[in-house]
Amino acid sequence: MQNISIGRYSDNEGIVHRGESGEIERIEKNYAGWIEGARDDGSTWIMWLDAHGNPECYWGRRDADGGVIGDPVLLAPTLPQ
């Protein structure tokens, strides 16, 4: 394993919902942050943390631009808000 980084989204990051006037009505935070790593061979993985900080899903492969490849491994059920 080469590197592991942990990130947290700020309160104003997420899915933005705008009203008819274009003003932001609310920001939906589906994920609190992420943990990502790089293997010795250069391949990468990422795990998303739910809005409560719990590991929610893991992708074992990513493309060169950071996009995920394939379906995630679900780690925990989504907790009620």
N, C-alpha and C. Protein backbone atom coordinates (compact mmCIF):
# COMPACT_ATOMS: atom_id res chain seq x y z
N MET A 1 0.86 -1.17 0.00
CA MET A 1 0.00 0.00 0.00
C MET A 1 0.90 1.23 0.00
N GLN A 2 0.60 2.16 -0.87
CA GLN A 2 1.39 3.38 -0.99
C GLN A 2 0.84 4.52 -0.14
N ASN A 3 -0.36 4.96 -0.43
CA ASN A 3 -0.93 6.12 0.26
C ASN A 3 -2.40 5.89 0.57
N ILE A 4 -2.83 6.45 1.68
CA ILE A 4 -4.25 6.49 2.03
C ILE A 4 -4.57 7.92 2.41
N SER A 5 -5.66 8.44 1.87
CA SER A 5 -6.08 9.79 2.25
C SER A 5 -7.54 9.74 2.71
N ILE A 6 -7.84 10.64 3.62
CA ILE A 6 -9.18 10.74 4.20
C ILE A 6 -9.67 12.15 3.97
N GLY A 7 -10.87 12.28 3.46
CA GLY A 7 -11.43 13.61 3.21
C GLY A 7 -12.81 13.75 3.81
N ARG A 8 -13.17 14.98 4.10
CA ARG A 8 -14.49 15.27 4.65
C ARG A 8 -15.09 16.42 3.85
N TYR A 9 -16.35 16.26 3.48
CA TYR A 9 -17.04 17.32 2.77
C TYR A 9 -17.45 18.41 3.74
N SER A 10 -17.41 19.65 3.29
CA SER A 10 -17.88 20.75 4.13
C SER A 10 -19.41 20.78 4.12
N ASP A 11 -19.98 21.58 4.97
CA ASP A 11 -21.44 21.64 5.08
C ASP A 11 -22.11 22.17 3.82
N ASN A 12 -21.38 22.89 2.97
CA ASN A 12 -22.00 23.43 1.77
C ASN A 12 -21.69 22.61 0.52
N GLU A 13 -21.23 21.37 0.67
CA GLU A 13 -20.99 20.48 -0.45
C GLU A 13 -22.02 19.36 -0.45
N GLY A 14 -22.47 19.00 -1.61
CA GLY A 14 -23.44 17.93 -1.75
C GLY A 14 -24.32 18.20 -2.96
N ILE A 15 -25.49 17.56 -2.98
CA ILE A 15 -26.44 17.77 -4.07
C ILE A 15 -27.23 19.04 -3.77
N VAL A 16 -27.13 20.00 -4.66
CA VAL A 16 -27.77 21.30 -4.45
C VAL A 16 -29.17 21.28 -5.06
N HIS A 17 -30.15 21.67 -4.26
CA HIS A 17 -31.54 21.78 -4.73
C HIS A 17 -31.88 23.26 -4.81
N ARG A 18 -32.29 23.71 -6.00
CA ARG A 18 -32.62 25.11 -6.21
C ARG A 18 -34.11 25.28 -6.44
N GLY A 19 -34.63 26.40 -6.01
CA GLY A 19 -36.03 26.73 -6.22
C GLY A 19 -36.24 27.31 -7.60
N GLU A 20 -37.46 27.71 -7.89
CA GLU A 20 -37.79 28.27 -9.21
C GLU A 20 -37.00 29.52 -9.53
N SER A 21 -36.64 30.29 -8.50
CA SER A 21 -35.89 31.52 -8.72
C SER A 21 -34.40 31.26 -8.92
N GLY A 22 -33.99 30.02 -8.70
CA GLY A 22 -32.58 29.70 -8.84
C GLY A 22 -31.82 29.75 -7.52
N GLU A 23 -32.48 30.22 -6.47
CA GLU A 23 -31.85 30.29 -5.16
C GLU A 23 -31.72 28.88 -4.57
N ILE A 24 -30.67 28.66 -3.82
CA ILE A 24 -30.47 27.37 -3.17
C ILE A 24 -31.48 27.20 -2.05
N GLU A 25 -32.26 26.13 -2.13
CA GLU A 25 -33.23 25.82 -1.08
C GLU A 25 -32.61 24.95 0.00
N ARG A 26 -31.82 23.97 -0.44
CA ARG A 26 -31.16 23.09 0.53
C ARG A 26 -30.02 22.36 -0.15
N ILE A 27 -29.12 21.86 0.65
CA ILE A 27 -28.01 21.05 0.17
C ILE A 27 -28.13 19.69 0.83
N GLU A 28 -28.30 18.66 0.02
CA GLU A 28 -28.46 17.30 0.52
C GLU A 28 -27.09 16.64 0.65
N LYS A 29 -26.74 16.31 1.87
CA LYS A 29 -25.45 15.66 2.12
C LYS A 29 -25.66 14.16 2.21
N ASN A 30 -25.37 13.46 1.12
CA ASN A 30 -25.49 12.01 1.11
C ASN A 30 -24.27 11.34 1.73
N TYR A 31 -23.13 11.97 1.61
CA TYR A 31 -21.89 11.41 2.13
C TYR A 31 -21.16 12.45 2.97
N ALA A 32 -20.58 12.00 4.08
CA ALA A 32 -19.81 12.90 4.95
C ALA A 32 -18.38 13.03 4.45
N GLY A 33 -17.90 11.99 3.76
CA GLY A 33 -16.52 12.04 3.29
C GLY A 33 -16.13 10.74 2.61
N TRP A 34 -14.83 10.54 2.51
CA TRP A 34 -14.32 9.38 1.79
C TRP A 34 -12.96 8.98 2.35
N ILE A 35 -12.57 7.75 2.05
CA ILE A 35 -11.23 7.24 2.29
C ILE A 35 -10.78 6.63 0.98
N GLU A 36 -9.61 7.02 0.50
CA GLU A 36 -9.13 6.45 -0.76
C GLU A 36 -7.68 6.04 -0.61
N GLY A 37 -7.29 5.07 -1.41
CA GLY A 37 -5.94 4.56 -1.33
C GLY A 37 -5.37 4.20 -2.68
N ALA A 38 -4.04 4.10 -2.71
CA ALA A 38 -3.32 3.67 -3.91
C ALA A 38 -2.47 2.47 -3.55
N ARG A 39 -2.54 1.45 -4.40
CA ARG A 39 -1.76 0.23 -4.19
C ARG A 39 -0.37 0.37 -4.80
N ASP A 40 0.50 -0.56 -4.48
CA ASP A 40 1.87 -0.55 -5.00
C ASP A 40 1.91 -0.57 -6.53
N ASP A 41 0.90 -1.21 -7.16
CA ASP A 41 0.89 -1.27 -8.62
C ASP A 41 0.29 -0.02 -9.27
N GLY A 42 -0.12 0.96 -8.45
CA GLY A 42 -0.68 2.21 -8.97
C GLY A 42 -2.19 2.22 -9.06
N SER A 43 -2.83 1.06 -8.90
CA SER A 43 -4.29 1.04 -8.94
C SER A 43 -4.85 1.68 -7.66
N THR A 44 -6.09 2.15 -7.74
CA THR A 44 -6.67 2.89 -6.61
C THR A 44 -8.04 2.33 -6.24
N TRP A 45 -8.48 2.67 -5.02
CA TRP A 45 -9.78 2.27 -4.50
C TRP A 45 -10.35 3.45 -3.72
N ILE A 46 -11.66 3.39 -3.44
CA ILE A 46 -12.29 4.45 -2.66
C ILE A 46 -13.45 3.87 -1.84
N MET A 47 -13.65 4.43 -0.67
CA MET A 47 -14.75 4.06 0.21
C MET A 47 -15.47 5.35 0.61
N TRP A 48 -16.78 5.37 0.46
CA TRP A 48 -17.58 6.53 0.83
C TRP A 48 -18.15 6.35 2.22
N LEU A 49 -18.18 7.42 2.99
CA LEU A 49 -18.74 7.43 4.33
C LEU A 49 -20.10 8.11 4.29
N ASP A 50 -21.10 7.50 4.92
CA ASP A 50 -22.45 8.07 4.87
C ASP A 50 -22.51 9.38 5.67
N ALA A 51 -23.67 10.00 5.69
CA ALA A 51 -23.83 11.29 6.34
C ALA A 51 -23.52 11.26 7.83
N HIS A 52 -23.45 10.05 8.40
CA HIS A 52 -23.13 9.89 9.82
C HIS A 52 -21.67 9.50 10.04
N GLY A 53 -20.90 9.37 8.96
CA GLY A 53 -19.49 9.01 9.06
C GLY A 53 -19.21 7.52 9.05
N ASN A 54 -20.23 6.70 8.79
CA ASN A 54 -20.06 5.24 8.74
C ASN A 54 -19.65 4.80 7.34
N PRO A 55 -18.76 3.82 7.21
CA PRO A 55 -18.43 3.29 5.88
C PRO A 55 -19.70 2.74 5.22
N GLU A 56 -19.98 3.18 4.00
CA GLU A 56 -21.21 2.77 3.33
C GLU A 56 -20.97 1.91 2.11
N CYS A 57 -20.03 2.30 1.27
CA CYS A 57 -19.78 1.52 0.06
C CYS A 57 -18.31 1.64 -0.36
N TYR A 58 -17.84 0.60 -1.03
CA TYR A 58 -16.43 0.49 -1.41
C TYR A 58 -16.34 0.11 -2.88
N TRP A 59 -15.48 0.79 -3.61
CA TRP A 59 -15.15 0.42 -4.98
C TRP A 59 -13.68 0.03 -5.00
N GLY A 60 -13.39 -1.16 -5.44
CA GLY A 60 -12.03 -1.67 -5.46
C GLY A 60 -11.21 -1.23 -6.66
N ARG A 61 -11.88 -0.62 -7.65
CA ARG A 61 -11.17 -0.18 -8.87
C ARG A 61 -11.67 1.18 -9.30
N ARG A 62 -10.72 1.99 -9.76
CA ARG A 62 -11.05 3.31 -10.30
C ARG A 62 -10.28 3.53 -11.59
N ASP A 63 -10.83 4.40 -12.45
CA ASP A 63 -10.12 4.69 -13.69
C ASP A 63 -9.08 5.78 -13.45
N ALA A 64 -8.33 6.11 -14.49
CA ALA A 64 -7.24 7.09 -14.36
C ALA A 64 -7.71 8.46 -13.91
N ASP A 65 -8.97 8.81 -14.22
CA ASP A 65 -9.51 10.11 -13.84
C ASP A 65 -10.19 10.09 -12.47
N GLY A 66 -10.18 8.94 -11.79
CA GLY A 66 -10.78 8.85 -10.46
C GLY A 66 -12.20 8.32 -10.45
N GLY A 67 -12.78 8.08 -11.61
CA GLY A 67 -14.13 7.52 -11.67
C GLY A 67 -14.13 6.08 -11.17
N VAL A 68 -15.24 5.65 -10.64
CA VAL A 68 -15.32 4.28 -10.13
C VAL A 68 -15.64 3.31 -11.26
N ILE A 69 -15.19 2.07 -11.12
CA ILE A 69 -15.42 1.03 -12.11
C ILE A 69 -16.25 -0.07 -11.46
N GLY A 70 -17.35 -0.44 -12.10
CA GLY A 70 -18.18 -1.52 -11.61
C GLY A 70 -19.12 -1.09 -10.51
N ASP A 71 -19.70 -2.09 -9.87
CA ASP A 71 -20.66 -1.85 -8.79
C ASP A 71 -19.94 -1.81 -7.45
N PRO A 72 -20.48 -1.04 -6.49
CA PRO A 72 -19.83 -0.98 -5.18
C PRO A 72 -20.13 -2.22 -4.34
N VAL A 73 -19.30 -2.44 -3.36
CA VAL A 73 -19.59 -3.41 -2.31
C VAL A 73 -20.28 -2.61 -1.21
N LEU A 74 -21.53 -2.94 -0.92
CA LEU A 74 -22.27 -2.22 0.11
C LEU A 74 -21.81 -2.72 1.47
N LEU A 75 -21.41 -1.80 2.34
CA LEU A 75 -20.83 -2.17 3.62
C LEU A 75 -21.81 -2.09 4.77
N ALA A 76 -22.78 -1.22 4.67
CA ALA A 76 -23.75 -1.06 5.75
C ALA A 76 -25.04 -0.50 5.18
N PRO A 77 -26.15 -0.85 5.77
CA PRO A 77 -27.40 -0.26 5.29
C PRO A 77 -27.42 1.24 5.59
N THR A 78 -28.11 1.98 4.76
CA THR A 78 -28.25 3.41 5.00
C THR A 78 -29.10 3.64 6.23
N LEU A 79 -28.62 4.45 7.13
CA LEU A 79 -29.35 4.74 8.37
C LEU A 79 -30.41 5.81 8.13
N PRO A 80 -31.49 5.80 8.84
CA PRO A 80 -32.49 6.86 8.67
C PRO A 80 -31.91 8.20 9.07
N GLN A 81 -32.35 9.24 8.38
CA GLN A 81 -31.85 10.59 8.65
C GLN A 81 -32.42 11.08 9.90
